[in-house]
Amino acid sequence: MSRKALAVLTLGIVAVFLLSSAGCVSKKRLRTVEEQNAQQLAQANGRIDELQKKSEALDQSLKDAQAALAGAQSQNQKLTADIASLKGQIAALEGQKAELDRALAAGQETEASYQKKVRALNGAIAGLKRQATETEARIAAKDTEIASLGQTVAALKAAADEQSKKMAALSADKDALQASLDKTVAGKKSVTLILGILLALAVILAIIGFVRRPKGSVPA
């Protein structure tokens, strides 16, 4: 084999070695970047998952509080209807007492009969008034409960809204991170490809220049 052919072969081997080395280094760097990107995305997804769990817990608490509030309001409506009924019954009994007073004054009732009927009416009225007082106390307690539940629902809604905003912000940050990482990987791939092409062209030009060199310039 002539020295010229040997030199060309050697140059070719060196070129292949350089190209292979450059390719291996580029692949390792690219793999490192991709691993770092995957780690950053995993951390972002972890934060989003954590917020998602908190958001689900808040939503459940809000549903429970809203259900309790609706139940308390329903009970309060029934108690309000009960107190109205009791007051109606008391008014009716008071009306009967007034009729007895008129009957006694008109001589239509004896004193004994009047006293007996009035005692019965007074007892019934007293019992209804006790029920009314108890019902009003229950309504007052229920009003306090409703006010407290209303505050709880409002606070949970505000917390849920804030959580939703955080989720949206994190998702936007993740999307921006993903776009940035994709751009970085694409840029490194492009640089690696361009460097490889330039190196290959340089080697090819070197080989062509060496082959075309006048024979007299090659050492004997």
N, C-alpha and C. Protein backbone atom coordinates (compact mmCIF):
# COMPACT_ATOMS: atom_id res chain seq x y z
N MET A 1 0.86 -1.19 0.00
CA MET A 1 0.00 0.00 0.00
C MET A 1 0.89 1.24 0.00
N SER A 2 0.58 2.17 -0.90
CA SER A 2 1.39 3.38 -1.00
C SER A 2 1.20 4.25 0.23
N ARG A 3 2.19 5.16 0.44
CA ARG A 3 2.09 6.05 1.60
C ARG A 3 0.87 6.96 1.49
N LYS A 4 0.54 7.34 0.26
CA LYS A 4 -0.61 8.23 0.06
C LYS A 4 -1.91 7.54 0.46
N ALA A 5 -2.04 6.28 0.03
CA ALA A 5 -3.25 5.53 0.37
C ALA A 5 -3.32 5.29 1.87
N LEU A 6 -2.13 4.98 2.45
CA LEU A 6 -2.09 4.76 3.89
C LEU A 6 -2.47 6.03 4.65
N ALA A 7 -1.99 7.16 4.15
CA ALA A 7 -2.31 8.43 4.81
C ALA A 7 -3.80 8.73 4.72
N VAL A 8 -4.39 8.45 3.54
CA VAL A 8 -5.83 8.67 3.37
C VAL A 8 -6.62 7.76 4.30
N LEU A 9 -6.19 6.48 4.38
CA LEU A 9 -6.87 5.53 5.26
C LEU A 9 -6.78 5.97 6.71
N THR A 10 -5.57 6.41 7.10
CA THR A 10 -5.39 6.87 8.48
C THR A 10 -6.27 8.07 8.78
N LEU A 11 -6.30 9.00 7.82
CA LEU A 11 -7.12 10.19 8.00
C LEU A 11 -8.60 9.83 8.11
N GLY A 12 -9.00 8.83 7.31
CA GLY A 12 -10.39 8.38 7.37
C GLY A 12 -10.73 7.77 8.72
N ILE A 13 -9.77 6.96 9.23
CA ILE A 13 -10.00 6.32 10.54
C ILE A 13 -10.10 7.39 11.63
N VAL A 14 -9.19 8.37 11.55
CA VAL A 14 -9.23 9.45 12.53
C VAL A 14 -10.55 10.21 12.45
N ALA A 15 -11.02 10.42 11.20
CA ALA A 15 -12.29 11.13 11.02
C ALA A 15 -13.44 10.36 11.65
N VAL A 16 -13.47 9.03 11.40
CA VAL A 16 -14.53 8.20 11.97
C VAL A 16 -14.48 8.23 13.50
N PHE A 17 -13.24 8.19 14.03
CA PHE A 17 -13.08 8.23 15.48
C PHE A 17 -13.59 9.55 16.05
N LEU A 18 -13.23 10.66 15.36
CA LEU A 18 -13.68 11.97 15.84
C LEU A 18 -15.19 12.11 15.78
N LEU A 19 -15.75 11.64 14.68
CA LEU A 19 -17.21 11.72 14.53
C LEU A 19 -17.92 10.88 15.60
N SER A 20 -17.38 9.65 15.84
CA SER A 20 -17.98 8.77 16.84
C SER A 20 -17.86 9.38 18.24
N SER A 21 -16.68 9.94 18.54
CA SER A 21 -16.47 10.55 19.85
C SER A 21 -17.40 11.73 20.06
N ALA A 22 -17.50 12.57 19.00
CA ALA A 22 -18.39 13.72 19.11
C ALA A 22 -19.84 13.29 19.31
N GLY A 23 -20.21 12.22 18.57
CA GLY A 23 -21.58 11.72 18.70
C GLY A 23 -21.86 11.18 20.09
N CYS A 24 -20.90 10.44 20.65
CA CYS A 24 -21.09 9.87 22.00
C CYS A 24 -21.19 10.97 23.05
N VAL A 25 -20.31 11.97 22.94
CA VAL A 25 -20.33 13.07 23.90
C VAL A 25 -21.66 13.82 23.81
N SER A 26 -22.11 14.06 22.58
CA SER A 26 -23.36 14.78 22.38
C SER A 26 -24.54 14.00 22.93
N LYS A 27 -24.55 12.69 22.70
CA LYS A 27 -25.63 11.85 23.21
C LYS A 27 -25.64 11.84 24.73
N LYS A 28 -24.46 11.77 25.35
CA LYS A 28 -24.40 11.78 26.81
C LYS A 28 -24.92 13.10 27.37
N ARG A 29 -24.51 14.19 26.73
CA ARG A 29 -24.98 15.50 27.20
C ARG A 29 -26.49 15.63 27.02
N LEU A 30 -26.96 15.15 25.89
CA LEU A 30 -28.40 15.22 25.63
C LEU A 30 -29.18 14.36 26.61
N ARG A 31 -28.63 13.17 26.91
CA ARG A 31 -29.29 12.29 27.88
C ARG A 31 -29.32 12.93 29.26
N THR A 32 -28.23 13.60 29.64
CA THR A 32 -28.18 14.29 30.93
C THR A 32 -29.23 15.39 31.01
N VAL A 33 -29.34 16.16 29.91
CA VAL A 33 -30.33 17.24 29.87
C VAL A 33 -31.75 16.68 29.97
N GLU A 34 -32.00 15.60 29.24
CA GLU A 34 -33.33 15.00 29.26
C GLU A 34 -33.67 14.45 30.64
N GLU A 35 -32.67 13.86 31.33
CA GLU A 35 -32.91 13.36 32.68
C GLU A 35 -33.21 14.50 33.65
N GLN A 36 -32.47 15.61 33.52
CA GLN A 36 -32.74 16.77 34.37
C GLN A 36 -34.12 17.34 34.09
N ASN A 37 -34.48 17.37 32.81
CA ASN A 37 -35.81 17.86 32.45
C ASN A 37 -36.90 16.99 33.04
N ALA A 38 -36.70 15.68 32.95
CA ALA A 38 -37.70 14.75 33.49
C ALA A 38 -37.84 14.93 35.00
N GLN A 39 -36.71 15.17 35.69
CA GLN A 39 -36.75 15.38 37.14
C GLN A 39 -37.51 16.66 37.49
N GLN A 40 -37.25 17.74 36.73
CA GLN A 40 -37.95 19.00 36.99
C GLN A 40 -39.45 18.86 36.74
N LEU A 41 -39.80 18.16 35.67
CA LEU A 41 -41.22 17.95 35.37
C LEU A 41 -41.89 17.07 36.44
N ALA A 42 -41.15 16.08 36.92
CA ALA A 42 -41.70 15.20 37.97
C ALA A 42 -41.96 16.01 39.24
N GLN A 43 -41.05 16.92 39.58
CA GLN A 43 -41.26 17.77 40.76
C GLN A 43 -42.48 18.67 40.58
N ALA A 44 -42.62 19.23 39.36
CA ALA A 44 -43.78 20.09 39.08
C ALA A 44 -45.07 19.28 39.18
N ASN A 45 -45.07 18.08 38.62
CA ASN A 45 -46.26 17.23 38.70
C ASN A 45 -46.56 16.83 40.14
N GLY A 46 -45.50 16.63 40.94
CA GLY A 46 -45.71 16.30 42.35
C GLY A 46 -46.40 17.43 43.10
N ARG A 47 -45.97 18.66 42.83
CA ARG A 47 -46.61 19.81 43.48
C ARG A 47 -48.07 19.94 43.04
N ILE A 48 -48.30 19.70 41.75
CA ILE A 48 -49.68 19.78 41.24
C ILE A 48 -50.55 18.69 41.87
N ASP A 49 -50.02 17.48 41.99
CA ASP A 49 -50.77 16.38 42.62
C ASP A 49 -51.10 16.69 44.07
N GLU A 50 -50.13 17.28 44.77
CA GLU A 50 -50.36 17.63 46.18
C GLU A 50 -51.47 18.67 46.30
N LEU A 51 -51.43 19.69 45.44
CA LEU A 51 -52.48 20.70 45.45
C LEU A 51 -53.82 20.11 45.06
N GLN A 52 -53.80 19.15 44.13
CA GLN A 52 -55.04 18.51 43.70
C GLN A 52 -55.71 17.77 44.86
N LYS A 53 -54.89 17.08 45.66
CA LYS A 53 -55.44 16.37 46.82
C LYS A 53 -56.03 17.36 47.84
N LYS A 54 -55.30 18.45 48.07
CA LYS A 54 -55.82 19.47 48.99
C LYS A 54 -57.11 20.08 48.46
N SER A 55 -57.14 20.29 47.14
CA SER A 55 -58.33 20.86 46.52
C SER A 55 -59.53 19.93 46.66
N GLU A 56 -59.30 18.63 46.48
CA GLU A 56 -60.38 17.65 46.62
C GLU A 56 -60.89 17.61 48.07
N ALA A 57 -59.96 17.71 49.03
CA ALA A 57 -60.36 17.73 50.45
C ALA A 57 -61.18 18.97 50.76
N LEU A 58 -60.77 20.11 50.20
CA LEU A 58 -61.51 21.35 50.39
C LEU A 58 -62.91 21.26 49.78
N ASP A 59 -62.98 20.69 48.60
CA ASP A 59 -64.28 20.55 47.93
C ASP A 59 -65.22 19.68 48.76
N GLN A 60 -64.69 18.61 49.34
CA GLN A 60 -65.51 17.72 50.16
C GLN A 60 -65.98 18.44 51.41
N SER A 61 -65.07 19.19 52.05
CA SER A 61 -65.44 19.96 53.24
C SER A 61 -66.51 20.99 52.90
N LEU A 62 -66.37 21.61 51.74
CA LEU A 62 -67.36 22.61 51.31
C LEU A 62 -68.72 21.97 51.09
N LYS A 63 -68.73 20.80 50.45
CA LYS A 63 -70.00 20.09 50.22
C LYS A 63 -70.66 19.71 51.55
N ASP A 64 -69.84 19.23 52.49
CA ASP A 64 -70.38 18.85 53.81
C ASP A 64 -70.97 20.07 54.52
N ALA A 65 -70.23 21.19 54.48
CA ALA A 65 -70.71 22.41 55.14
C ALA A 65 -71.98 22.93 54.48
N GLN A 66 -72.04 22.86 53.16
CA GLN A 66 -73.24 23.31 52.44
C GLN A 66 -74.43 22.43 52.77
N ALA A 67 -74.19 21.12 52.89
CA ALA A 67 -75.27 20.20 53.25
C ALA A 67 -75.77 20.47 54.67
N ALA A 68 -74.83 20.72 55.59
CA ALA A 68 -75.21 21.04 56.97
C ALA A 68 -75.99 22.35 57.02
N LEU A 69 -75.57 23.33 56.22
CA LEU A 69 -76.26 24.62 56.19
C LEU A 69 -77.67 24.46 55.64
N ALA A 70 -77.81 23.68 54.58
CA ALA A 70 -79.14 23.45 54.01
C ALA A 70 -80.04 22.73 55.01
N GLY A 71 -79.47 21.75 55.74
CA GLY A 71 -80.25 21.04 56.75
C GLY A 71 -80.70 21.95 57.88
N ALA A 72 -79.79 22.83 58.33
CA ALA A 72 -80.14 23.76 59.41
C ALA A 72 -81.21 24.75 58.96
N GLN A 73 -81.09 25.22 57.73
CA GLN A 73 -82.10 26.16 57.21
C GLN A 73 -83.46 25.48 57.09
N SER A 74 -83.46 24.21 56.67
CA SER A 74 -84.72 23.47 56.56
C SER A 74 -85.36 23.28 57.94
N GLN A 75 -84.53 22.92 58.94
CA GLN A 75 -85.04 22.75 60.30
C GLN A 75 -85.59 24.07 60.85
N ASN A 76 -84.90 25.17 60.52
CA ASN A 76 -85.33 26.47 61.00
C ASN A 76 -86.68 26.87 60.38
N GLN A 77 -86.86 26.52 59.13
CA GLN A 77 -88.15 26.80 58.48
C GLN A 77 -89.28 26.04 59.16
N LYS A 78 -88.99 24.77 59.52
CA LYS A 78 -90.02 23.97 60.21
C LYS A 78 -90.32 24.56 61.59
N LEU A 79 -89.27 24.97 62.31
CA LEU A 79 -89.47 25.57 63.63
C LEU A 79 -90.27 26.88 63.52
N THR A 80 -89.98 27.64 62.49
CA THR A 80 -90.72 28.89 62.28
C THR A 80 -92.19 28.61 62.01
N ALA A 81 -92.44 27.55 61.23
CA ALA A 81 -93.84 27.16 60.97
C ALA A 81 -94.50 26.68 62.26
N ASP A 82 -93.73 25.95 63.09
CA ASP A 82 -94.27 25.46 64.37
C ASP A 82 -94.65 26.62 65.29
N ILE A 83 -93.78 27.62 65.37
CA ILE A 83 -94.06 28.75 66.26
C ILE A 83 -95.28 29.52 65.78
N ALA A 84 -95.42 29.63 64.45
CA ALA A 84 -96.59 30.31 63.91
C ALA A 84 -97.86 29.55 64.26
N SER A 85 -97.80 28.20 64.20
CA SER A 85 -98.95 27.38 64.55
C SER A 85 -99.30 27.52 66.03
N LEU A 86 -98.26 27.51 66.88
CA LEU A 86 -98.49 27.65 68.32
C LEU A 86 -99.12 29.01 68.65
N LYS A 87 -98.63 30.04 68.03
CA LYS A 87 -99.19 31.37 68.28
C LYS A 87 -100.64 31.45 67.80
N GLY A 88 -100.93 30.75 66.70
CA GLY A 88 -102.30 30.71 66.21
C GLY A 88 -103.23 30.01 67.20
N GLN A 89 -102.73 28.90 67.77
CA GLN A 89 -103.53 28.16 68.75
C GLN A 89 -103.75 29.00 70.02
N ILE A 90 -102.71 29.71 70.45
CA ILE A 90 -102.84 30.56 71.64
C ILE A 90 -103.86 31.67 71.39
N ALA A 91 -103.80 32.26 70.21
CA ALA A 91 -104.75 33.32 69.87
C ALA A 91 -106.18 32.79 69.87
N ALA A 92 -106.35 31.56 69.37
CA ALA A 92 -107.69 30.96 69.33
C ALA A 92 -108.22 30.73 70.75
N LEU A 93 -107.35 30.24 71.64
CA LEU A 93 -107.77 30.01 73.02
C LEU A 93 -108.06 31.33 73.74
N GLU A 94 -107.27 32.33 73.46
CA GLU A 94 -107.53 33.65 74.05
C GLU A 94 -108.89 34.18 73.56
N GLY A 95 -109.22 33.86 72.31
CA GLY A 95 -110.52 34.25 71.77
C GLY A 95 -111.66 33.56 72.50
N GLN A 96 -111.44 32.28 72.83
CA GLN A 96 -112.46 31.55 73.59
C GLN A 96 -112.65 32.15 74.99
N LYS A 97 -111.58 32.58 75.62
CA LYS A 97 -111.67 33.22 76.93
C LYS A 97 -112.48 34.52 76.83
N ALA A 98 -112.23 35.26 75.76
CA ALA A 98 -112.97 36.51 75.57
C ALA A 98 -114.45 36.24 75.40
N GLU A 99 -114.81 35.17 74.69
CA GLU A 99 -116.21 34.81 74.51
C GLU A 99 -116.84 34.43 75.86
N LEU A 100 -116.04 33.69 76.67
CA LEU A 100 -116.54 33.33 78.00
C LEU A 100 -116.80 34.57 78.87
N ASP A 101 -115.89 35.54 78.74
CA ASP A 101 -116.08 36.79 79.50
C ASP A 101 -117.39 37.48 79.07
N ARG A 102 -117.65 37.49 77.80
CA ARG A 102 -118.87 38.12 77.31
C ARG A 102 -120.11 37.34 77.75
N ALA A 103 -119.98 35.99 77.68
CA ALA A 103 -121.10 35.14 78.09
C ALA A 103 -121.41 35.33 79.58
N LEU A 104 -120.36 35.43 80.40
CA LEU A 104 -120.56 35.64 81.82
C LEU A 104 -121.23 37.00 82.08
N ALA A 105 -120.75 37.99 81.36
CA ALA A 105 -121.32 39.33 81.53
C ALA A 105 -122.78 39.37 81.10
N ALA A 106 -123.12 38.56 80.09
CA ALA A 106 -124.50 38.53 79.59
C ALA A 106 -125.38 37.59 80.39
N GLY A 107 -124.80 36.91 81.38
CA GLY A 107 -125.56 35.99 82.20
C GLY A 107 -125.79 34.66 81.55
N GLN A 108 -125.02 34.39 80.50
CA GLN A 108 -125.18 33.12 79.79
C GLN A 108 -124.31 32.01 80.40
N GLU A 109 -123.41 32.37 81.31
CA GLU A 109 -122.55 31.39 81.99
C GLU A 109 -122.62 31.64 83.48
N THR A 110 -122.65 30.54 84.23
CA THR A 110 -122.61 30.68 85.68
C THR A 110 -121.17 30.91 86.10
N GLU A 111 -120.98 31.45 87.27
CA GLU A 111 -119.63 31.72 87.75
C GLU A 111 -118.81 30.44 87.87
N ALA A 112 -119.45 29.40 88.36
CA ALA A 112 -118.75 28.13 88.53
C ALA A 112 -118.32 27.56 87.18
N SER A 113 -119.26 27.58 86.24
CA SER A 113 -118.94 27.05 84.90
C SER A 113 -117.86 27.89 84.24
N TYR A 114 -118.01 29.21 84.48
CA TYR A 114 -117.02 30.12 83.88
C TYR A 114 -115.63 29.84 84.43
N GLN A 115 -115.51 29.71 85.73
CA GLN A 115 -114.21 29.48 86.36
C GLN A 115 -113.59 28.17 85.90
N LYS A 116 -114.41 27.15 85.76
CA LYS A 116 -113.92 25.83 85.33
C LYS A 116 -113.37 25.91 83.92
N LYS A 117 -114.13 26.57 83.03
CA LYS A 117 -113.70 26.66 81.64
C LYS A 117 -112.46 27.54 81.49
N VAL A 118 -112.43 28.62 82.25
CA VAL A 118 -111.28 29.54 82.16
C VAL A 118 -110.00 28.85 82.66
N ARG A 119 -110.14 28.06 83.77
CA ARG A 119 -108.95 27.35 84.27
C ARG A 119 -108.41 26.40 83.21
N ALA A 120 -109.32 25.71 82.54
CA ALA A 120 -108.89 24.78 81.50
C ALA A 120 -108.20 25.52 80.36
N LEU A 121 -108.81 26.65 79.98
CA LEU A 121 -108.22 27.43 78.89
C LEU A 121 -106.86 28.01 79.30
N ASN A 122 -106.76 28.51 80.52
CA ASN A 122 -105.49 29.05 81.00
C ASN A 122 -104.40 27.99 81.03
N GLY A 123 -104.77 26.77 81.44
CA GLY A 123 -103.79 25.68 81.46
C GLY A 123 -103.31 25.35 80.06
N ALA A 124 -104.27 25.29 79.11
CA ALA A 124 -103.89 25.00 77.73
C ALA A 124 -103.02 26.11 77.15
N ILE A 125 -103.39 27.36 77.47
CA ILE A 125 -102.61 28.50 76.96
C ILE A 125 -101.20 28.50 77.54
N ALA A 126 -101.11 28.21 78.83
CA ALA A 126 -99.79 28.17 79.48
C ALA A 126 -98.90 27.10 78.85
N GLY A 127 -99.50 25.94 78.59
CA GLY A 127 -98.73 24.86 77.95
C GLY A 127 -98.25 25.26 76.56
N LEU A 128 -99.11 25.89 75.78
CA LEU A 128 -98.73 26.33 74.43
C LEU A 128 -97.66 27.42 74.48
N LYS A 129 -97.76 28.30 75.47
CA LYS A 129 -96.76 29.36 75.61
C LYS A 129 -95.39 28.78 75.96
N ARG A 130 -95.38 27.72 76.79
CA ARG A 130 -94.11 27.07 77.12
C ARG A 130 -93.49 26.47 75.85
N GLN A 131 -94.34 25.79 75.07
CA GLN A 131 -93.85 25.22 73.82
C GLN A 131 -93.32 26.32 72.88
N ALA A 132 -94.05 27.44 72.86
CA ALA A 132 -93.62 28.55 71.99
C ALA A 132 -92.27 29.11 72.45
N THR A 133 -92.10 29.24 73.77
CA THR A 133 -90.83 29.74 74.30
C THR A 133 -89.68 28.81 73.96
N GLU A 134 -89.93 27.50 74.13
CA GLU A 134 -88.90 26.51 73.80
C GLU A 134 -88.57 26.54 72.31
N THR A 135 -89.62 26.67 71.50
CA THR A 135 -89.40 26.70 70.06
C THR A 135 -88.62 27.95 69.64
N GLU A 136 -88.94 29.07 70.25
CA GLU A 136 -88.22 30.30 69.94
C GLU A 136 -86.74 30.19 70.34
N ALA A 137 -86.48 29.50 71.45
CA ALA A 137 -85.09 29.29 71.87
C ALA A 137 -84.36 28.41 70.86
N ARG A 138 -85.06 27.39 70.38
CA ARG A 138 -84.46 26.52 69.37
C ARG A 138 -84.21 27.28 68.07
N ILE A 139 -85.13 28.18 67.72
CA ILE A 139 -84.94 28.99 66.51
C ILE A 139 -83.72 29.90 66.67
N ALA A 140 -83.58 30.51 67.87
CA ALA A 140 -82.43 31.38 68.12
C ALA A 140 -81.12 30.59 68.01
N ALA A 141 -81.11 29.38 68.59
CA ALA A 141 -79.91 28.53 68.51
C ALA A 141 -79.62 28.13 67.07
N LYS A 142 -80.70 27.83 66.34
CA LYS A 142 -80.54 27.43 64.94
C LYS A 142 -80.06 28.60 64.09
N ASP A 143 -80.51 29.81 64.42
CA ASP A 143 -80.03 31.00 63.71
C ASP A 143 -78.53 31.18 63.90
N THR A 144 -78.08 30.95 65.15
CA THR A 144 -76.65 31.04 65.44
C THR A 144 -75.87 29.99 64.65
N GLU A 145 -76.43 28.77 64.62
CA GLU A 145 -75.77 27.69 63.87
C GLU A 145 -75.71 28.02 62.38
N ILE A 146 -76.80 28.57 61.86
CA ILE A 146 -76.85 28.92 60.43
C ILE A 146 -75.82 30.00 60.11
N ALA A 147 -75.71 31.00 61.00
CA ALA A 147 -74.73 32.07 60.78
C ALA A 147 -73.31 31.52 60.78
N SER A 148 -73.03 30.60 61.73
CA SER A 148 -71.70 30.00 61.80
C SER A 148 -71.41 29.16 60.56
N LEU A 149 -72.40 28.36 60.14
CA LEU A 149 -72.22 27.54 58.94
C LEU A 149 -72.04 28.41 57.70
N GLY A 150 -72.78 29.53 57.67
CA GLY A 150 -72.63 30.44 56.54
C GLY A 150 -71.21 30.99 56.45
N GLN A 151 -70.63 31.33 57.61
CA GLN A 151 -69.25 31.82 57.63
C GLN A 151 -68.28 30.72 57.20
N THR A 152 -68.56 29.49 57.65
CA THR A 152 -67.70 28.36 57.27
C THR A 152 -67.75 28.13 55.76
N VAL A 153 -68.95 28.16 55.20
CA VAL A 153 -69.10 27.96 53.76
C VAL A 153 -68.37 29.06 52.99
N ALA A 154 -68.51 30.30 53.45
CA ALA A 154 -67.84 31.42 52.77
C ALA A 154 -66.32 31.26 52.83
N ALA A 155 -65.81 30.86 54.01
CA ALA A 155 -64.37 30.67 54.16
C ALA A 155 -63.86 29.53 53.28
N LEU A 156 -64.62 28.44 53.23
CA LEU A 156 -64.22 27.30 52.40
C LEU A 156 -64.27 27.65 50.91
N LYS A 157 -65.26 28.43 50.51
CA LYS A 157 -65.33 28.87 49.11
C LYS A 157 -64.12 29.73 48.75
N ALA A 158 -63.76 30.64 49.67
CA ALA A 158 -62.59 31.49 49.42
C ALA A 158 -61.32 30.64 49.33
N ALA A 159 -61.20 29.66 50.23
CA ALA A 159 -60.03 28.78 50.20
C ALA A 159 -60.00 27.95 48.92
N ALA A 160 -61.17 27.46 48.49
CA ALA A 160 -61.25 26.67 47.26
C ALA A 160 -60.88 27.52 46.05
N ASP A 161 -61.34 28.77 46.03
CA ASP A 161 -60.99 29.67 44.93
C ASP A 161 -59.48 29.93 44.90
N GLU A 162 -58.91 30.15 46.07
CA GLU A 162 -57.47 30.39 46.16
C GLU A 162 -56.69 29.16 45.70
N GLN A 163 -57.20 27.99 46.07
CA GLN A 163 -56.56 26.74 45.66
C GLN A 163 -56.64 26.57 44.15
N SER A 164 -57.77 26.94 43.57
CA SER A 164 -57.93 26.84 42.12
C SER A 164 -56.95 27.76 41.40
N LYS A 165 -56.76 28.96 41.96
CA LYS A 165 -55.80 29.91 41.37
C LYS A 165 -54.38 29.36 41.43
N LYS A 166 -54.04 28.74 42.57
CA LYS A 166 -52.71 28.14 42.71
C LYS A 166 -52.52 27.00 41.71
N MET A 167 -53.58 26.19 41.55
CA MET A 167 -53.52 25.09 40.59
C MET A 167 -53.30 25.61 39.18
N ALA A 168 -54.05 26.66 38.82
CA ALA A 168 -53.93 27.24 37.49
C ALA A 168 -52.53 27.80 37.27
N ALA A 169 -52.00 28.49 38.30
CA ALA A 169 -50.66 29.08 38.19
C ALA A 169 -49.60 27.99 38.04
N LEU A 170 -49.73 26.91 38.84
CA LEU A 170 -48.77 25.80 38.74
C LEU A 170 -48.84 25.11 37.39
N SER A 171 -50.06 24.93 36.88
CA SER A 171 -50.21 24.29 35.58
C SER A 171 -49.58 25.16 34.49
N ALA A 172 -49.78 26.49 34.60
CA ALA A 172 -49.18 27.39 33.63
C ALA A 172 -47.65 27.34 33.72
N ASP A 173 -47.14 27.31 34.95
CA ASP A 173 -45.68 27.21 35.14
C ASP A 173 -45.15 25.90 34.56
N LYS A 174 -45.90 24.84 34.76
CA LYS A 174 -45.46 23.54 34.23
C LYS A 174 -45.44 23.57 32.70
N ASP A 175 -46.48 24.15 32.10
CA ASP A 175 -46.52 24.23 30.64
C ASP A 175 -45.36 25.08 30.12
N ALA A 176 -45.08 26.19 30.81
CA ALA A 176 -43.96 27.04 30.40
C ALA A 176 -42.63 26.29 30.55
N LEU A 177 -42.51 25.53 31.65
CA LEU A 177 -41.30 24.74 31.87
C LEU A 177 -41.15 23.68 30.79
N GLN A 178 -42.26 23.02 30.45
CA GLN A 178 -42.22 22.00 29.41
C GLN A 178 -41.78 22.59 28.08
N ALA A 179 -42.34 23.76 27.74
CA ALA A 179 -41.98 24.42 26.49
C ALA A 179 -40.51 24.82 26.48
N SER A 180 -40.03 25.35 27.63
CA SER A 180 -38.63 25.76 27.73
C SER A 180 -37.69 24.56 27.62
N LEU A 181 -38.06 23.47 28.29
CA LEU A 181 -37.22 22.26 28.23
C LEU A 181 -37.20 21.66 26.84
N ASP A 182 -38.36 21.64 26.20
CA ASP A 182 -38.42 21.12 24.82
C ASP A 182 -37.55 21.96 23.90
N LYS A 183 -37.59 23.28 24.12
CA LYS A 183 -36.78 24.18 23.30
C LYS A 183 -35.29 23.94 23.53
N THR A 184 -34.94 23.72 24.81
CA THR A 184 -33.54 23.47 25.15
C THR A 184 -33.04 22.18 24.50
N VAL A 185 -33.84 21.11 24.59
CA VAL A 185 -33.46 19.83 24.00
C VAL A 185 -33.35 19.95 22.48
N ALA A 186 -34.33 20.63 21.88
CA ALA A 186 -34.31 20.80 20.43
C ALA A 186 -33.08 21.59 20.01
N GLY A 187 -32.72 22.63 20.80
CA GLY A 187 -31.54 23.43 20.48
C GLY A 187 -30.27 22.61 20.56
N LYS A 188 -30.16 21.77 21.61
CA LYS A 188 -28.95 20.94 21.74
C LYS A 188 -28.87 19.91 20.61
N LYS A 189 -30.01 19.37 20.21
CA LYS A 189 -30.00 18.42 19.10
C LYS A 189 -29.56 19.12 17.81
N SER A 190 -30.04 20.34 17.61
CA SER A 190 -29.67 21.09 16.41
C SER A 190 -28.18 21.41 16.40
N VAL A 191 -27.67 21.87 17.57
CA VAL A 191 -26.24 22.18 17.67
C VAL A 191 -25.39 20.95 17.41
N THR A 192 -25.80 19.83 18.01
CA THR A 192 -25.06 18.58 17.81
C THR A 192 -25.05 18.18 16.34
N LEU A 193 -26.21 18.31 15.70
CA LEU A 193 -26.31 17.95 14.29
C LEU A 193 -25.42 18.86 13.43
N ILE A 194 -25.47 20.17 13.71
CA ILE A 194 -24.68 21.12 12.92
C ILE A 194 -23.19 20.87 13.12
N LEU A 195 -22.77 20.66 14.36
CA LEU A 195 -21.36 20.38 14.62
C LEU A 195 -20.91 19.10 13.92
N GLY A 196 -21.77 18.09 13.96
CA GLY A 196 -21.43 16.83 13.28
C GLY A 196 -21.27 17.03 11.78
N ILE A 197 -22.19 17.80 11.19
CA ILE A 197 -22.11 18.06 9.75
C ILE A 197 -20.85 18.85 9.41
N LEU A 198 -20.56 19.88 10.22
CA LEU A 198 -19.36 20.69 9.97
C LEU A 198 -18.10 19.86 10.10
N LEU A 199 -18.05 19.00 11.12
CA LEU A 199 -16.87 18.15 11.31
C LEU A 199 -16.71 17.19 10.13
N ALA A 200 -17.84 16.62 9.70
CA ALA A 200 -17.79 15.69 8.56
C ALA A 200 -17.31 16.41 7.30
N LEU A 201 -17.83 17.63 7.07
CA LEU A 201 -17.40 18.40 5.89
C LEU A 201 -15.92 18.74 5.97
N ALA A 202 -15.46 19.11 7.17
CA ALA A 202 -14.05 19.45 7.32
C ALA A 202 -13.16 18.25 7.01
N VAL A 203 -13.57 17.08 7.50
CA VAL A 203 -12.78 15.86 7.23
C VAL A 203 -12.79 15.52 5.75
N ILE A 204 -13.97 15.62 5.14
CA ILE A 204 -14.08 15.31 3.70
C ILE A 204 -13.21 16.26 2.88
N LEU A 205 -13.27 17.54 3.23
CA LEU A 205 -12.45 18.52 2.50
C LEU A 205 -10.97 18.25 2.70
N ALA A 206 -10.61 17.85 3.93
CA ALA A 206 -9.21 17.55 4.20
C ALA A 206 -8.75 16.35 3.36
N ILE A 207 -9.60 15.34 3.28
CA ILE A 207 -9.25 14.15 2.49
C ILE A 207 -9.13 14.51 1.02
N ILE A 208 -10.10 15.30 0.52
CA ILE A 208 -10.06 15.70 -0.90
C ILE A 208 -8.79 16.50 -1.19
N GLY A 209 -8.49 17.45 -0.25
CA GLY A 209 -7.28 18.26 -0.45
C GLY A 209 -6.04 17.41 -0.43
N PHE A 210 -6.01 16.41 0.45
CA PHE A 210 -4.84 15.54 0.54
C PHE A 210 -4.69 14.70 -0.72
N VAL A 211 -5.81 14.18 -1.23
CA VAL A 211 -5.78 13.32 -2.42
C VAL A 211 -5.35 14.12 -3.65
N ARG A 212 -5.81 15.35 -3.74
CA ARG A 212 -5.52 16.17 -4.92
C ARG A 212 -4.13 16.85 -4.87
N ARG A 213 -3.45 16.69 -3.77
CA ARG A 213 -2.15 17.33 -3.65
C ARG A 213 -1.20 16.73 -4.68
N PRO A 214 -0.38 17.52 -5.32
CA PRO A 214 0.56 16.97 -6.33
C PRO A 214 1.44 15.88 -5.76
N LYS A 215 1.72 14.91 -6.60
CA LYS A 215 2.54 13.78 -6.13
C LYS A 215 3.91 14.20 -5.64
N GLY A 216 4.43 15.24 -6.25
CA GLY A 216 5.78 15.67 -5.86
C GLY A 216 5.85 16.17 -4.45
N SER A 217 4.67 16.58 -3.92
CA SER A 217 4.66 17.11 -2.56
C SER A 217 4.59 16.05 -1.50
N VAL A 218 4.35 14.79 -1.95
CA VAL A 218 4.29 13.68 -1.00
C VAL A 218 5.70 13.16 -0.76
N PRO A 219 6.11 13.02 0.47
CA PRO A 219 7.47 12.55 0.76
C PRO A 219 7.69 11.15 0.19
N ALA A 220 8.89 10.91 -0.41
CA ALA A 220 9.20 9.62 -1.04
C ALA A 220 9.47 8.58 0.03
